Amino acid sequence: MDIPTFDDVKAAHERIGDYVHRTPVLTSTFMNERIGAQLFFKCENFQKAGAFKARGASNAVFGLDEAQAAKGVATHSSGNHGLSLSYAAGRRGIPVTVVMPRTAPDAKKAAVRGYGGTVVECEPSTSSREAVFAEVVAKSGADFVHPYNDPRVIAGQGTCSRELVEQVDDLDAVIAPIGGGGMISGTCLTLSNVAPKTKIYAAEPKNADDAARSFKAGHIIADDAPNTVADGLKVPLKELTWHFVSNHVEDILTATEDEIVDAMMLTWQRMKIVMEPSSAVPLATILKNPEIFAGKRVGVIITGGNVDLNKLPWM
């Protein structure tokens, strides 16, 4: 495996600086008092393309040489990585194709097309996604930018927690959602170098808990087509992300569908910010396990805000 280093994170931060936001950190007295902890929300819902994945996608796209860039890029994605790659490719002026499940939110498909990307639909399973994608790449020769099992992407995602520790001192813990593990891997990569005493937690839907089961078993367990409102967290871990998860994550906590939706609604109500269901999973697990975080300074990564406003989960 080509395992990225913290030097790769620093290089990524320089490379993508003109193409991503340094997102704000928000706090909530209500949340702090309810949980008995100090929570610091890193708001990647305010990121370019509406999600943290703009970081990894931009690092991959702007790291290509001219010859490969001319052939374009391609990926498979349930949404945020695909629209983020489309955003980055559009900024560089190169073609991009995204294989997306036919059940992916219409808002995310529209965003891919809005940034100039081409959407190719597949069935809502990992096996269908990868099979259809193989056909796309065979025809185009485009560079495959994997949504998470890619050292360029992980290094880009690591810039998020690098900013967080610059914005907030002395964090006892950081928690982020986990699907395929790109954000968590980037978080592990950064914090193990700059804040090794900070504990790293991952948060996952109970309906798609393959990472939690993998963590307990000591090897990757992959589900093909889990069903959860957190559409960005349906994919399994891969070898590269498993390397970081197995070596650096303190624990993987899970939340039910109702707990995720309740946490999402609570954030909308109390913090007045738009987050998508996947982003609500960390808060849902904190609310479920307050004893783990009581008295601690906790960084909470809100990974994205790309929501179909016509299909809010509490409607």
Protein backbone atom coordinates (compact mmCIF):
# COMPACT_ATOMS: atom_id res chain seq x y z
CA MET A 1 0.00 0.00 0.00
CA ASP A 2 1.07 3.55 -0.72
CA ILE A 3 0.42 4.98 2.75
CA PRO A 4 0.33 8.79 2.87
CA THR A 5 2.43 10.66 5.42
CA PHE A 6 1.93 13.91 7.29
CA ASP A 7 4.25 15.55 4.77
CA ASP A 8 1.59 14.64 2.19
CA VAL A 9 -1.04 16.41 4.32
CA LYS A 10 1.10 19.56 4.50
CA ALA A 11 1.70 19.44 0.74
CA ALA A 12 -2.03 18.96 0.15
CA HIS A 13 -2.84 22.00 2.30
CA GLU A 14 -0.58 24.13 0.13
CA ARG A 15 -1.93 22.65 -3.12
CA ILE A 16 -5.63 23.10 -2.38
CA GLY A 17 -5.49 26.43 -0.56
CA ASP A 18 -6.99 28.42 -3.43
CA TYR A 19 -9.82 25.93 -3.98
CA VAL A 20 -11.26 25.17 -0.52
CA HIS A 21 -12.50 27.12 2.49
CA ARG A 22 -10.89 27.19 5.90
CA THR A 23 -14.19 26.29 7.52
CA PRO A 24 -15.33 27.77 10.84
CA VAL A 25 -15.63 26.06 14.20
CA LEU A 26 -18.95 26.70 15.99
CA THR A 27 -20.03 26.02 19.56
CA SER A 28 -23.39 25.61 21.27
CA THR A 29 -24.07 26.31 24.95
CA PHE A 30 -27.21 24.17 24.69
CA MET A 31 -25.27 21.15 23.39
CA ASN A 32 -22.50 21.60 25.95
CA GLU A 33 -24.93 21.75 28.86
CA ARG A 34 -26.97 18.81 27.64
CA ILE A 35 -23.93 16.54 27.26
CA GLY A 36 -21.69 17.94 29.98
CA ALA A 37 -18.79 18.48 27.59
CA GLN A 38 -17.33 21.24 25.44
CA LEU A 39 -18.11 20.48 21.81
CA PHE A 40 -16.38 22.23 18.93
CA PHE A 41 -18.14 21.67 15.60
CA LYS A 42 -15.83 21.84 12.55
CA CYS A 43 -18.33 22.92 9.90
CA GLU A 44 -17.42 21.25 6.63
CA ASN A 45 -21.05 21.73 5.62
CA PHE A 46 -19.81 25.22 4.70
CA GLN A 47 -17.05 23.76 2.51
CA LYS A 48 -16.84 24.20 -1.26
CA ALA A 49 -19.30 21.78 -2.89
CA GLY A 50 -20.95 21.47 0.53
CA ALA A 51 -18.73 18.75 1.97
CA PHE A 52 -15.25 17.92 3.27
CA LYS A 53 -14.64 15.78 0.20
CA ALA A 54 -13.71 18.89 -1.77
CA ARG A 55 -10.38 18.68 0.07
CA GLY A 56 -9.36 15.21 -1.09
CA ALA A 57 -10.84 15.65 -4.55
CA SER A 58 -8.99 18.93 -5.11
CA ASN A 59 -5.72 17.43 -3.91
CA ALA A 60 -6.08 14.57 -6.40
CA VAL A 61 -7.14 16.72 -9.35
CA PHE A 62 -4.54 19.44 -8.94
CA GLY A 63 -1.81 16.87 -8.35
CA LEU A 64 -2.24 15.31 -11.80
CA ASP A 65 0.32 15.95 -14.51
CA GLU A 66 -0.93 17.60 -17.71
CA ALA A 67 -0.98 14.38 -19.75
CA GLN A 68 -3.20 12.50 -17.30
CA ALA A 69 -5.36 15.53 -16.58
CA ALA A 70 -6.21 15.75 -20.27
CA LYS A 71 -7.86 12.30 -20.03
CA GLY A 72 -10.00 13.50 -17.15
CA VAL A 73 -10.99 11.86 -13.90
CA ALA A 74 -13.69 9.41 -12.86
CA THR A 75 -15.08 7.92 -9.69
CA HIS A 76 -18.01 6.10 -8.13
CA SER A 77 -19.86 7.86 -5.35
CA SER A 78 -23.18 8.08 -3.54
CA GLY A 79 -22.91 11.82 -3.80
CA ASN A 80 -20.48 14.08 -1.98
CA HIS A 81 -17.24 12.73 -3.41
CA GLY A 82 -18.71 12.74 -6.90
CA LEU A 83 -19.91 16.31 -6.73
CA SER A 84 -16.66 17.39 -5.05
CA LEU A 85 -14.59 15.75 -7.78
CA SER A 86 -16.81 17.48 -10.34
CA TYR A 87 -16.19 20.78 -8.58
CA ALA A 88 -12.40 20.28 -8.62
CA ALA A 89 -12.30 19.03 -12.22
CA GLY A 90 -14.41 22.00 -13.28
CA ARG A 91 -11.90 24.36 -11.70
CA ARG A 92 -9.11 22.69 -13.64
CA GLY A 93 -11.17 22.47 -16.83
CA ILE A 94 -10.98 18.70 -17.31
CA PRO A 95 -13.72 16.09 -17.90
CA VAL A 96 -15.22 14.05 -15.05
CA THR A 97 -17.56 11.06 -14.93
CA VAL A 98 -19.30 9.87 -11.76
CA VAL A 99 -21.00 6.49 -11.33
CA MET A 100 -23.84 6.98 -8.84
CA PRO A 101 -26.51 4.67 -7.36
CA ARG A 102 -29.89 5.34 -8.94
CA THR A 103 -31.18 5.86 -5.38
CA ALA A 104 -28.68 8.63 -4.59
CA PRO A 105 -30.33 11.94 -3.61
CA ASP A 106 -31.49 13.94 -6.61
CA ALA A 107 -29.87 17.04 -5.11
CA LYS A 108 -26.46 15.37 -5.26
CA LYS A 109 -26.94 14.16 -8.84
CA ALA A 110 -27.98 17.66 -9.83
CA ALA A 111 -24.89 19.09 -8.15
CA VAL A 112 -22.59 16.76 -10.11
CA ARG A 113 -24.20 17.89 -13.36
CA GLY A 114 -24.17 21.50 -12.22
CA TYR A 115 -20.39 21.39 -11.84
CA GLY A 116 -20.09 19.93 -15.35
CA GLY A 117 -19.83 16.24 -14.46
CA THR A 118 -21.45 13.32 -16.30
CA VAL A 119 -23.58 10.97 -14.17
CA VAL A 120 -23.78 7.24 -15.01
CA GLU A 121 -26.30 5.42 -12.82
CA CYS A 122 -25.88 1.97 -11.26
CA GLU A 123 -27.78 -0.23 -8.83
CA PRO A 124 -27.50 0.66 -5.12
CA SER A 125 -24.85 -1.87 -4.18
CA THR A 126 -21.07 -1.80 -3.93
CA SER A 127 -20.74 -4.63 -6.45
CA SER A 128 -22.88 -2.87 -9.09
CA ARG A 129 -21.09 0.43 -8.49
CA GLU A 130 -17.66 -1.09 -9.05
CA ALA A 131 -18.72 -3.14 -12.10
CA VAL A 132 -20.29 -0.19 -13.90
CA PHE A 133 -17.33 1.99 -13.00
CA ALA A 134 -14.87 -0.50 -14.50
CA GLU A 135 -16.67 -0.15 -17.84
CA VAL A 136 -16.47 3.66 -17.67
CA VAL A 137 -12.72 3.73 -17.03
CA ALA A 138 -12.01 1.12 -19.70
CA LYS A 139 -13.61 3.39 -22.28
CA SER A 140 -12.15 6.74 -21.20
CA GLY A 141 -8.74 6.04 -19.66
CA ALA A 142 -9.63 8.59 -16.98
CA ASP A 143 -7.69 8.71 -13.72
CA PHE A 144 -9.56 6.85 -10.98
CA VAL A 145 -9.92 9.01 -7.89
CA HIS A 146 -11.29 6.58 -5.33
CA PRO A 147 -13.74 8.14 -2.86
CA TYR A 148 -11.57 7.15 0.10
CA ASN A 149 -9.06 4.34 -0.58
CA ASP A 150 -6.63 6.73 -2.26
CA PRO A 151 -3.56 8.27 -0.59
CA ARG A 152 -4.16 11.60 -2.35
CA VAL A 153 -7.71 11.75 -1.04
CA ILE A 154 -6.73 10.77 2.51
CA ALA A 155 -3.98 13.40 2.58
CA GLY A 156 -6.50 16.01 1.44
CA GLN A 157 -9.00 14.99 4.11
CA GLY A 158 -6.25 15.26 6.71
CA THR A 159 -6.18 19.02 6.16
CA CYS A 160 -9.54 19.31 7.94
CA SER A 161 -8.27 18.13 11.32
CA ARG A 162 -5.04 20.07 10.79
CA GLU A 163 -7.15 23.23 10.67
CA LEU A 164 -9.23 22.07 13.64
CA VAL A 165 -6.25 21.69 15.99
CA GLU A 166 -5.01 25.11 14.87
CA GLN A 167 -8.42 26.62 15.67
CA VAL A 168 -9.05 24.84 19.01
CA ASP A 169 -6.38 24.05 21.60
CA ASP A 170 -6.07 20.94 23.75
CA LEU A 171 -8.78 18.68 22.32
CA ASP A 172 -9.29 15.52 24.34
CA ALA A 173 -11.09 13.77 21.49
CA VAL A 174 -12.21 14.17 17.90
CA ILE A 175 -15.16 12.30 16.40
CA ALA A 176 -16.20 12.01 12.76
CA PRO A 177 -18.54 9.81 10.71
CA ILE A 178 -17.21 6.64 9.15
CA GLY A 179 -18.30 4.94 5.94
CA GLY A 180 -15.35 3.98 3.79
CA GLY A 181 -13.05 5.77 6.20
CA GLY A 182 -11.46 8.59 4.22
CA MET A 183 -12.16 11.35 6.73
CA ILE A 184 -11.28 9.18 9.71
CA SER A 185 -8.05 8.09 8.01
CA GLY A 186 -7.08 11.69 7.34
CA THR A 187 -7.93 12.54 10.93
CA CYS A 188 -5.79 9.67 12.19
CA LEU A 189 -2.92 10.70 9.93
CA THR A 190 -2.93 14.29 11.18
CA LEU A 191 -3.66 13.80 14.87
CA SER A 192 -1.16 10.97 15.32
CA ASN A 193 1.49 13.47 14.22
CA VAL A 194 0.39 16.78 15.74
CA ALA A 195 -1.85 15.78 18.69
CA PRO A 196 -1.05 12.15 19.57
CA LYS A 197 -2.83 12.33 22.94
CA THR A 198 -6.16 13.25 21.32
CA LYS A 199 -8.43 10.22 21.12
CA ILE A 200 -10.12 9.52 17.80
CA TYR A 201 -13.67 8.13 17.66
CA ALA A 202 -15.66 7.11 14.61
CA ALA A 203 -19.46 7.24 14.40
CA GLU A 204 -21.53 4.91 12.24
CA PRO A 205 -25.20 4.06 11.59
CA LYS A 206 -26.30 0.86 13.32
CA ASN A 207 -27.94 -0.14 10.01
CA ALA A 208 -24.56 0.07 8.26
CA ASP A 209 -22.21 -0.96 11.05
CA ASP A 210 -19.68 -2.97 9.05
CA ALA A 211 -16.81 -0.75 10.26
CA ALA A 212 -17.80 -1.30 13.90
CA ARG A 213 -18.01 -5.04 13.33
CA SER A 214 -14.69 -4.97 11.48
CA PHE A 215 -13.10 -3.08 14.37
CA LYS A 216 -14.25 -5.71 16.86
CA ALA A 217 -13.31 -8.64 14.62
CA GLY A 218 -9.85 -7.32 13.71
CA HIS A 219 -10.41 -7.62 9.96
CA ILE A 220 -12.54 -5.99 7.27
CA ILE A 221 -16.18 -7.08 7.12
CA ALA A 222 -17.93 -5.61 4.08
CA ASP A 223 -21.68 -5.20 3.60
CA ASP A 224 -22.77 -4.89 -0.02
CA ALA A 225 -25.94 -2.80 0.20
CA PRO A 226 -26.87 -1.53 3.70
CA ASN A 227 -29.97 0.63 4.10
CA THR A 228 -29.64 3.82 6.14
CA VAL A 229 -30.78 7.44 6.02
CA ALA A 230 -27.06 8.35 6.21
CA ASP A 231 -26.52 7.80 2.48
CA GLY A 232 -22.88 8.89 2.60
CA LEU A 233 -21.92 6.07 4.98
CA LYS A 234 -23.02 2.97 3.09
CA VAL A 235 -19.63 1.92 1.68
CA PRO A 236 -17.19 -0.51 3.32
CA LEU A 237 -13.65 0.00 4.54
CA LYS A 238 -10.78 -0.82 2.19
CA GLU A 239 -7.18 -1.84 2.85
CA LEU A 240 -5.75 1.67 3.09
CA THR A 241 -8.42 3.09 5.37
CA TRP A 242 -8.41 -0.07 7.48
CA HIS A 243 -4.70 0.56 8.12
CA PHE A 244 -5.52 3.87 9.83
CA VAL A 245 -8.69 2.71 11.57
CA SER A 246 -7.10 -0.41 13.04
CA ASN A 247 -4.02 1.45 14.26
CA HIS A 248 -5.37 4.75 15.56
CA VAL A 249 -9.12 4.72 16.30
CA GLU A 250 -10.15 4.46 19.95
CA ASP A 251 -13.63 3.07 19.27
CA ILE A 252 -16.44 3.05 16.71
CA LEU A 253 -19.81 4.07 18.14
CA THR A 254 -23.17 3.45 16.45
CA ALA A 255 -26.56 5.16 16.37
CA THR A 256 -30.00 4.02 15.22
CA GLU A 257 -31.91 5.65 12.39
CA ASP A 258 -34.20 7.50 14.81
CA GLU A 259 -31.22 8.71 16.85
CA ILE A 260 -29.54 10.04 13.69
CA VAL A 261 -32.63 11.91 12.55
CA ASP A 262 -33.21 13.33 16.04
CA ALA A 263 -29.61 14.61 16.19
CA MET A 264 -29.92 16.13 12.74
CA MET A 265 -33.14 17.94 13.69
CA LEU A 266 -31.63 19.10 16.99
CA THR A 267 -28.67 20.66 15.19
CA TRP A 268 -30.92 22.42 12.70
CA GLN A 269 -33.06 23.76 15.54
CA ARG A 270 -30.36 24.78 18.00
CA MET A 271 -27.37 25.71 15.83
CA LYS A 272 -29.31 27.01 12.81
CA ILE A 273 -27.09 25.17 10.34
CA VAL A 274 -27.94 22.74 7.55
CA MET A 275 -26.33 19.34 7.92
CA GLU A 276 -27.07 16.11 6.12
CA PRO A 277 -27.96 12.85 7.91
CA SER A 278 -24.43 11.41 7.65
CA SER A 279 -23.11 14.47 9.48
CA ALA A 280 -25.53 13.94 12.36
CA VAL A 281 -24.19 10.51 13.27
CA PRO A 282 -21.33 11.79 15.50
CA LEU A 283 -23.67 13.96 17.58
CA ALA A 284 -26.15 11.09 17.76
CA THR A 285 -23.48 8.83 19.25
CA ILE A 286 -22.34 11.54 21.68
CA LEU A 287 -25.93 12.01 22.89
CA LYS A 288 -26.19 8.23 23.25
CA ASN A 289 -22.89 7.87 25.13
CA PRO A 290 -22.44 11.09 27.16
CA GLU A 291 -20.34 9.32 29.78
CA ILE A 292 -17.52 8.83 27.25
CA PHE A 293 -17.27 12.56 26.55
CA ALA A 294 -18.31 14.13 29.87
CA GLY A 295 -15.93 16.87 30.99
CA LYS A 296 -13.92 16.62 27.74
CA ARG A 297 -13.06 19.06 24.96
CA VAL A 298 -14.37 17.31 21.85
CA GLY A 299 -13.96 18.19 18.18
CA VAL A 300 -16.99 17.12 16.14
CA ILE A 301 -16.54 17.08 12.37
CA ILE A 302 -19.74 18.02 10.52
CA THR A 303 -18.86 16.49 7.17
CA GLY A 304 -21.44 17.95 4.81
CA GLY A 305 -24.66 19.82 4.20
CA ASN A 306 -25.95 18.51 0.88
CA VAL A 307 -29.57 17.79 1.71
CA ASP A 308 -32.55 17.23 -0.55
CA LEU A 309 -34.87 19.81 1.01
CA ASN A 310 -37.87 18.10 -0.57
CA LYS A 311 -37.13 14.85 1.26
CA LEU A 312 -36.11 15.78 4.79
CA PRO A 313 -36.08 12.61 6.94
CA TRP A 314 -38.53 13.96 9.52
CA MET A 315 -41.13 14.95 6.90
